[in-house]
Amino acid sequence: MSHEKDQALERLRKLAGESRSRMDIPDIIEAVLGPGTDDDLEALVRAALESSPGAMSLGEIANGILGIQSWREGNA
C-alpha cells in the first residue's frame, strides 16, 4: 500500500475509533482526503457506499474514496 493510502487509512481508523455511533459521509471523506471536498464528491461517495451489497472494511472505503478522487482528477 502506498504511503498516501496508509495515511488515509490511519486517519479513517482514528475517526472510527473516536466515533460513538455511525460515521457521517462528510467526516469519512475528510478523514481520507482532508478538508475542502465538494458536494459532487460527497454524492459520488454516498452512491458508492449505498450501492455496496455488504459491509465494507475501512481499507476498502479509503481505497474507494481515493479511487473516486483519482478518477475525477483524471477526467476533469
PDB file of N, CA and C in Angstrom:
ATOM      1  N   MET A   1       0.857  -1.179   0.000  1.00  0.00           N
ATOM      2  CA  MET A   1       0.000   0.000   0.000  1.00  0.00           C
ATOM      3  C   MET A   1       0.896   1.233   0.000  1.00  0.00           C
ATOM      4  N   SER A   2       0.503   2.252  -0.739  1.00  0.00           N
ATOM      5  CA  SER A   2       1.300   3.467  -0.819  1.00  0.00           C
ATOM      6  C   SER A   2       1.221   4.257   0.485  1.00  0.00           C
ATOM      7  N   HIS A   3       2.166   5.152   0.637  1.00  0.00           N
ATOM      8  CA  HIS A   3       2.216   5.994   1.843  1.00  0.00           C
ATOM      9  C   HIS A   3       0.929   6.806   1.980  1.00  0.00           C
ATOM     10  N   GLU A   4       0.437   7.351   0.857  1.00  0.00           N
ATOM     11  CA  GLU A   4      -0.803   8.137   0.878  1.00  0.00           C
ATOM     12  C   GLU A   4      -1.974   7.281   1.363  1.00  0.00           C
ATOM     13  N   LYS A   5      -2.077   6.066   0.859  1.00  0.00           N
ATOM     14  CA  LYS A   5      -3.165   5.179   1.278  1.00  0.00           C
ATOM     15  C   LYS A   5      -3.018   4.786   2.744  1.00  0.00           C
ATOM     16  N   ASP A   6      -1.790   4.533   3.174  1.00  0.00           N
ATOM     17  CA  ASP A   6      -1.558   4.196   4.579  1.00  0.00           C
ATOM     18  C   ASP A   6      -2.003   5.329   5.500  1.00  0.00           C
ATOM     19  N   GLN A   7      -1.651   6.552   5.137  1.00  0.00           N
ATOM     20  CA  GLN A   7      -2.030   7.706   5.961  1.00  0.00           C
ATOM     21  C   GLN A   7      -3.540   7.901   5.965  1.00  0.00           C
ATOM     22  N   ALA A   8      -4.175   7.753   4.807  1.00  0.00           N
ATOM     23  CA  ALA A   8      -5.628   7.902   4.719  1.00  0.00           C
ATOM     24  C   ALA A   8      -6.318   6.855   5.586  1.00  0.00           C
ATOM     25  N   LEU A   9      -5.846   5.625   5.514  1.00  0.00           N
ATOM     26  CA  LEU A   9      -6.440   4.557   6.314  1.00  0.00           C
ATOM     27  C   LEU A   9      -6.234   4.812   7.802  1.00  0.00           C
ATOM     28  N   GLU A  10      -5.085   5.288   8.180  1.00  0.00           N
ATOM     29  CA  GLU A  10      -4.827   5.584   9.590  1.00  0.00           C
ATOM     30  C   GLU A  10      -5.764   6.688  10.093  1.00  0.00           C
ATOM     31  N   ARG A  11      -5.967   7.726   9.299  1.00  0.00           N
ATOM     32  CA  ARG A  11      -6.889   8.798   9.711  1.00  0.00           C
ATOM     33  C   ARG A  11      -8.320   8.266   9.816  1.00  0.00           C
ATOM     34  N   LEU A  12      -8.707   7.382   8.901  1.00  0.00           N
ATOM     35  CA  LEU A  12     -10.049   6.806   8.930  1.00  0.00           C
ATOM     36  C   LEU A  12     -10.213   5.903  10.153  1.00  0.00           C
ATOM     37  N   ARG A  13      -9.191   5.146  10.488  1.00  0.00           N
ATOM     38  CA  ARG A  13      -9.240   4.310  11.695  1.00  0.00           C
ATOM     39  C   ARG A  13      -9.381   5.167  12.946  1.00  0.00           C
ATOM     40  N   LYS A  14      -8.672   6.287  12.976  1.00  0.00           N
ATOM     41  CA  LYS A  14      -8.762   7.193  14.122  1.00  0.00           C
ATOM     42  C   LYS A  14     -10.183   7.729  14.245  1.00  0.00           C
ATOM     43  N   LEU A  15     -10.777   8.149  13.120  1.00  0.00           N
ATOM     44  CA  LEU A  15     -12.157   8.638  13.138  1.00  0.00           C
ATOM     45  C   LEU A  15     -13.098   7.552  13.641  1.00  0.00           C
ATOM     46  N   ALA A  16     -12.933   6.333  13.147  1.00  0.00           N
ATOM     47  CA  ALA A  16     -13.800   5.225  13.565  1.00  0.00           C
ATOM     48  C   ALA A  16     -13.651   4.960  15.058  1.00  0.00           C
ATOM     49  N   GLY A  17     -12.441   5.068  15.562  1.00  0.00           N
ATOM     50  CA  GLY A  17     -12.220   4.854  16.988  1.00  0.00           C
ATOM     51  C   GLY A  17     -12.829   5.933  17.855  1.00  0.00           C
ATOM     52  N   GLU A  18     -12.903   7.142  17.325  1.00  0.00           N
ATOM     53  CA  GLU A  18     -13.460   8.266  18.080  1.00  0.00           C
ATOM     54  C   GLU A  18     -14.975   8.342  17.976  1.00  0.00           C
ATOM     55  N   SER A  19     -15.549   7.707  16.963  1.00  0.00           N
ATOM     56  CA  SER A  19     -16.991   7.782  16.729  1.00  0.00           C
ATOM     57  C   SER A  19     -17.728   6.849  17.675  1.00  0.00           C
ATOM     58  N   ARG A  20     -18.724   7.390  18.323  1.00  0.00           N
ATOM     59  CA  ARG A  20     -19.526   6.582  19.240  1.00  0.00           C
ATOM     60  C   ARG A  20     -20.711   5.954  18.523  1.00  0.00           C
ATOM     61  N   SER A  21     -21.049   6.487  17.383  1.00  0.00           N
ATOM     62  CA  SER A  21     -22.126   5.924  16.579  1.00  0.00           C
ATOM     63  C   SER A  21     -21.603   5.820  15.146  1.00  0.00           C
ATOM     64  N   ARG A  22     -22.479   5.804  14.191  1.00  0.00           N
ATOM     65  CA  ARG A  22     -22.036   5.691  12.796  1.00  0.00           C
ATOM     66  C   ARG A  22     -21.299   6.951  12.354  1.00  0.00           C
ATOM     67  N   MET A  23     -20.442   6.785  11.378  1.00  0.00           N
ATOM     68  CA  MET A  23     -19.666   7.907  10.858  1.00  0.00           C
ATOM     69  C   MET A  23     -20.439   8.557   9.719  1.00  0.00           C
ATOM     70  N   ASP A  24     -20.445   9.884   9.684  1.00  0.00           N
ATOM     71  CA  ASP A  24     -21.097  10.612   8.605  1.00  0.00           C
ATOM     72  C   ASP A  24     -20.183  10.639   7.380  1.00  0.00           C
ATOM     73  N   ILE A  25     -20.784  10.605   6.203  1.00  0.00           N
ATOM     74  CA  ILE A  25     -20.009  10.556   4.961  1.00  0.00           C
ATOM     75  C   ILE A  25     -19.074  11.756   4.821  1.00  0.00           C
ATOM     76  N   PRO A  26     -19.495  12.993   5.098  1.00  0.00           N
ATOM     77  CA  PRO A  26     -18.545  14.106   5.001  1.00  0.00           C
ATOM     78  C   PRO A  26     -17.324  13.927   5.913  1.00  0.00           C
ATOM     79  N   ASP A  27     -17.540  13.362   7.105  1.00  0.00           N
ATOM     80  CA  ASP A  27     -16.426  13.126   8.025  1.00  0.00           C
ATOM     81  C   ASP A  27     -15.493  12.038   7.494  1.00  0.00           C
ATOM     82  N   ILE A  28     -16.061  11.016   6.887  1.00  0.00           N
ATOM     83  CA  ILE A  28     -15.260   9.942   6.293  1.00  0.00           C
ATOM     84  C   ILE A  28     -14.395  10.497   5.173  1.00  0.00           C
ATOM     85  N   ILE A  29     -14.996  11.290   4.295  1.00  0.00           N
ATOM     86  CA  ILE A  29     -14.256  11.866   3.168  1.00  0.00           C
ATOM     87  C   ILE A  29     -13.143  12.772   3.681  1.00  0.00           C
ATOM     88  N   GLU A  30     -13.448  13.593   4.677  1.00  0.00           N
ATOM     89  CA  GLU A  30     -12.426  14.493   5.219  1.00  0.00           C
ATOM     90  C   GLU A  30     -11.287  13.710   5.855  1.00  0.00           C
ATOM     91  N   ALA A  31     -11.602  12.612   6.517  1.00  0.00           N
ATOM     92  CA  ALA A  31     -10.547  11.794   7.127  1.00  0.00           C
ATOM     93  C   ALA A  31      -9.632  11.221   6.047  1.00  0.00           C
ATOM     94  N   VAL A  32     -10.188  10.837   4.915  1.00  0.00           N
ATOM     95  CA  VAL A  32      -9.394  10.221   3.855  1.00  0.00           C
ATOM     96  C   VAL A  32      -8.647  11.266   3.033  1.00  0.00           C
ATOM     97  N   LEU A  33      -9.339  12.338   2.635  1.00  0.00           N
ATOM     98  CA  LEU A  33      -8.768  13.304   1.684  1.00  0.00           C
ATOM     99  C   LEU A  33      -8.335  14.621   2.303  1.00  0.00           C
ATOM    100  N   GLY A  34      -8.822  14.924   3.485  1.00  0.00           N
ATOM    101  CA  GLY A  34      -8.551  16.217   4.085  1.00  0.00           C
ATOM    102  C   GLY A  34      -9.728  17.150   3.858  1.00  0.00           C
ATOM    103  N   PRO A  35      -9.649  18.342   4.417  1.00  0.00           N
ATOM    104  CA  PRO A  35     -10.764  19.291   4.304  1.00  0.00           C
ATOM    105  C   PRO A  35     -10.894  19.852   2.890  1.00  0.00           C
ATOM    106  N   GLY A  36     -12.057  20.396   2.629  1.00  0.00           N
ATOM    107  CA  GLY A  36     -12.265  21.108   1.372  1.00  0.00           C
ATOM    108  C   GLY A  36     -12.858  20.287   0.250  1.00  0.00           C
ATOM    109  N   THR A  37     -13.565  19.220   0.566  1.00  0.00           N
ATOM    110  CA  THR A  37     -14.198  18.450  -0.508  1.00  0.00           C
ATOM    111  C   THR A  37     -15.518  19.109  -0.897  1.00  0.00           C
ATOM    112  N   ASP A  38     -16.026  18.724  -2.041  1.00  0.00           N
ATOM    113  CA  ASP A  38     -17.226  19.370  -2.565  1.00  0.00           C
ATOM    114  C   ASP A  38     -18.428  18.429  -2.550  1.00  0.00           C
ATOM    115  N   ASP A  39     -19.586  18.992  -2.844  1.00  0.00           N
ATOM    116  CA  ASP A  39     -20.840  18.236  -2.818  1.00  0.00           C
ATOM    117  C   ASP A  39     -20.867  17.135  -3.865  1.00  0.00           C
ATOM    118  N   ASP A  40     -20.255  17.365  -5.017  1.00  0.00           N
ATOM    119  CA  ASP A  40     -20.248  16.346  -6.064  1.00  0.00           C
ATOM    120  C   ASP A  40     -19.482  15.108  -5.611  1.00  0.00           C
ATOM    121  N   LEU A  41     -18.347  15.312  -4.962  1.00  0.00           N
ATOM    122  CA  LEU A  41     -17.581  14.182  -4.462  1.00  0.00           C
ATOM    123  C   LEU A  41     -18.386  13.447  -3.400  1.00  0.00           C
ATOM    124  N   GLU A  42     -19.036  14.187  -2.531  1.00  0.00           N
ATOM    125  CA  GLU A  42     -19.863  13.552  -1.499  1.00  0.00           C
ATOM    126  C   GLU A  42     -20.960  12.707  -2.133  1.00  0.00           C
ATOM    127  N   ALA A  43     -21.587  13.209  -3.183  1.00  0.00           N
ATOM    128  CA  ALA A  43     -22.642  12.454  -3.855  1.00  0.00           C
ATOM    129  C   ALA A  43     -22.103  11.161  -4.465  1.00  0.00           C
ATOM    130  N   LEU A  44     -20.910  11.225  -5.070  1.00  0.00           N
ATOM    131  CA  LEU A  44     -20.306  10.026  -5.662  1.00  0.00           C
ATOM    132  C   LEU A  44     -19.961   8.999  -4.585  1.00  0.00           C
ATOM    133  N   VAL A  45     -19.380   9.452  -3.493  1.00  0.00           N
ATOM    134  CA  VAL A  45     -19.014   8.543  -2.409  1.00  0.00           C
ATOM    135  C   VAL A  45     -20.267   7.948  -1.782  1.00  0.00           C
ATOM    136  N   ARG A  46     -21.272   8.768  -1.564  1.00  0.00           N
ATOM    137  CA  ARG A  46     -22.532   8.279  -0.988  1.00  0.00           C
ATOM    138  C   ARG A  46     -23.135   7.196  -1.878  1.00  0.00           C
ATOM    139  N   ALA A  47     -23.166   7.436  -3.191  1.00  0.00           N
ATOM    140  CA  ALA A  47     -23.723   6.443  -4.113  1.00  0.00           C
ATOM    141  C   ALA A  47     -22.924   5.141  -4.069  1.00  0.00           C
ATOM    142  N   ALA A  48     -21.612   5.253  -4.011  1.00  0.00           N
ATOM    143  CA  ALA A  48     -20.770   4.058  -3.960  1.00  0.00           C
ATOM    144  C   ALA A  48     -21.004   3.270  -2.669  1.00  0.00           C
ATOM    145  N   LEU A  49     -21.070   3.971  -1.549  1.00  0.00           N
ATOM    146  CA  LEU A  49     -21.278   3.286  -0.274  1.00  0.00           C
ATOM    147  C   LEU A  49     -22.661   2.655  -0.191  1.00  0.00           C
ATOM    148  N   GLU A  50     -23.659   3.359  -0.679  1.00  0.00           N
ATOM    149  CA  GLU A  50     -25.028   2.845  -0.612  1.00  0.00           C
ATOM    150  C   GLU A  50     -25.260   1.690  -1.577  1.00  0.00           C
ATOM    151  N   SER A  51     -24.491   1.625  -2.638  1.00  0.00           N
ATOM    152  CA  SER A  51     -24.689   0.552  -3.620  1.00  0.00           C
ATOM    153  C   SER A  51     -23.895  -0.701  -3.278  1.00  0.00           C
ATOM    154  N   SER A  52     -23.065  -0.626  -2.262  1.00  0.00           N
ATOM    155  CA  SER A  52     -22.285  -1.794  -1.851  1.00  0.00           C
ATOM    156  C   SER A  52     -23.229  -2.858  -1.308  1.00  0.00           C
ATOM    157  N   PRO A  53     -23.088  -4.093  -1.781  1.00  0.00           N
ATOM    158  CA  PRO A  53     -24.011  -5.143  -1.345  1.00  0.00           C
ATOM    159  C   PRO A  53     -23.810  -5.581   0.105  1.00  0.00           C
ATOM    160  N   GLY A  54     -22.677  -5.270   0.671  1.00  0.00           N
ATOM    161  CA  GLY A  54     -22.418  -5.677   2.049  1.00  0.00           C
ATOM    162  C   GLY A  54     -21.563  -4.652   2.760  1.00  0.00           C
ATOM    163  N   ALA A  55     -21.204  -4.976   3.973  1.00  0.00           N
ATOM    164  CA  ALA A  55     -20.352  -4.086   4.746  1.00  0.00           C
ATOM    165  C   ALA A  55     -18.972  -3.997   4.093  1.00  0.00           C
ATOM    166  N   MET A  56     -18.384  -2.813   4.172  1.00  0.00           N
ATOM    167  CA  MET A  56     -17.058  -2.587   3.617  1.00  0.00           C
ATOM    168  C   MET A  56     -16.078  -2.367   4.764  1.00  0.00           C
ATOM    169  N   SER A  57     -14.851  -2.842   4.578  1.00  0.00           N
ATOM    170  CA  SER A  57     -13.818  -2.592   5.574  1.00  0.00           C
ATOM    171  C   SER A  57     -13.358  -1.141   5.452  1.00  0.00           C
ATOM    172  N   LEU A  58     -12.687  -0.657   6.471  1.00  0.00           N
ATOM    173  CA  LEU A  58     -12.148   0.703   6.413  1.00  0.00           C
ATOM    174  C   LEU A  58     -11.149   0.831   5.266  1.00  0.00           C
ATOM    175  N   GLY A  59     -10.370  -0.198   5.011  1.00  0.00           N
ATOM    176  CA  GLY A  59      -9.424  -0.174   3.896  1.00  0.00           C
ATOM    177  C   GLY A  59     -10.125  -0.060   2.558  1.00  0.00           C
ATOM    178  N   GLU A  60     -11.216  -0.781   2.395  1.00  0.00           N
ATOM    179  CA  GLU A  60     -11.987  -0.698   1.154  1.00  0.00           C
ATOM    180  C   GLU A  60     -12.597   0.682   0.980  1.00  0.00           C
ATOM    181  N   ILE A  61     -13.074   1.258   2.061  1.00  0.00           N
ATOM    182  CA  ILE A  61     -13.655   2.603   1.995  1.00  0.00           C
ATOM    183  C   ILE A  61     -12.585   3.615   1.613  1.00  0.00           C
ATOM    184  N   ALA A  62     -11.445   3.564   2.279  1.00  0.00           N
ATOM    185  CA  ALA A  62     -10.362   4.509   1.974  1.00  0.00           C
ATOM    186  C   ALA A  62      -9.900   4.354   0.527  1.00  0.00           C
ATOM    187  N   ASN A  63      -9.676   3.125   0.079  1.00  0.00           N
ATOM    188  CA  ASN A  63      -9.251   2.895  -1.298  1.00  0.00           C
ATOM    189  C   ASN A  63     -10.298   3.363  -2.293  1.00  0.00           C
ATOM    190  N   GLY A  64     -11.560   3.140  -1.971  1.00  0.00           N
ATOM    191  CA  GLY A  64     -12.638   3.571  -2.859  1.00  0.00           C
ATOM    192  C   GLY A  64     -12.694   5.083  -3.001  1.00  0.00           C
ATOM    193  N   ILE A  65     -12.569   5.790  -1.892  1.00  0.00           N
ATOM    194  CA  ILE A  65     -12.605   7.252  -1.934  1.00  0.00           C
ATOM    195  C   ILE A  65     -11.397   7.791  -2.688  1.00  0.00           C
ATOM    196  N   LEU A  66     -10.228   7.233  -2.421  1.00  0.00           N
ATOM    197  CA  LEU A  66      -9.037   7.658  -3.159  1.00  0.00           C
ATOM    198  C   LEU A  66      -9.188   7.367  -4.650  1.00  0.00           C
ATOM    199  N   GLY A  67      -9.803   6.248  -4.980  1.00  0.00           N
ATOM    200  CA  GLY A  67     -10.036   5.906  -6.377  1.00  0.00           C
ATOM    201  C   GLY A  67     -11.002   6.862  -7.057  1.00  0.00           C
ATOM    202  N   ILE A  68     -12.065   7.221  -6.369  1.00  0.00           N
ATOM    203  CA  ILE A  68     -13.027   8.181  -6.926  1.00  0.00           C
ATOM    204  C   ILE A  68     -12.342   9.523  -7.155  1.00  0.00           C
ATOM    205  N   GLN A  69     -11.550   9.967  -6.179  1.00  0.00           N
ATOM    206  CA  GLN A  69     -10.847  11.238  -6.322  1.00  0.00           C
ATOM    207  C   GLN A  69      -9.877  11.184  -7.503  1.00  0.00           C
ATOM    208  N   SER A  70      -9.151  10.100  -7.635  1.00  0.00           N
ATOM    209  CA  SER A  70      -8.208   9.940  -8.747  1.00  0.00           C
ATOM    210  C   SER A  70      -8.938   9.937 -10.085  1.00  0.00           C
ATOM    211  N   TRP A  71     -10.060   9.256 -10.153  1.00  0.00           N
ATOM    212  CA  TRP A  71     -10.865   9.216 -11.378  1.00  0.00           C
ATOM    213  C   TRP A  71     -11.348  10.611 -11.745  1.00  0.00           C
ATOM    214  N   ARG A  72     -11.814  11.351 -10.741  1.00  0.00           N
ATOM    215  CA  ARG A  72     -12.282  12.715 -11.010  1.00  0.00           C
ATOM    216  C   ARG A  72     -11.155  13.591 -11.532  1.00  0.00           C
ATOM    217  N   GLU A  73      -9.974  13.502 -10.926  1.00  0.00           N
ATOM    218  CA  GLU A  73      -8.848  14.322 -11.369  1.00  0.00           C
ATOM    219  C   GLU A  73      -8.421  13.951 -12.784  1.00  0.00           C
ATOM    220  N   GLY A  74      -8.507  12.660 -13.109  1.00  0.00           N
ATOM    221  CA  GLY A  74      -8.115  12.220 -14.436  1.00  0.00           C
ATOM    222  C   GLY A  74      -9.122  12.568 -15.519  1.00  0.00           C
ATOM    223  N   ASN A  75     -10.343  12.878 -15.115  1.00  0.00           N
ATOM    224  CA  ASN A  75     -11.405  13.169 -16.087  1.00  0.00           C
ATOM    225  C   ASN A  75     -11.896  14.613 -15.994  1.00  0.00           C
ATOM    226  N   ALA A  76     -11.131  15.444 -15.341  1.00  0.00           N
ATOM    227  CA  ALA A  76     -11.546  16.857 -15.193  1.00  0.00           C
ATOM    228  C   ALA A  76     -11.182  17.664 -16.416  1.00  0.00           C
TER     229      ALA A  76
END
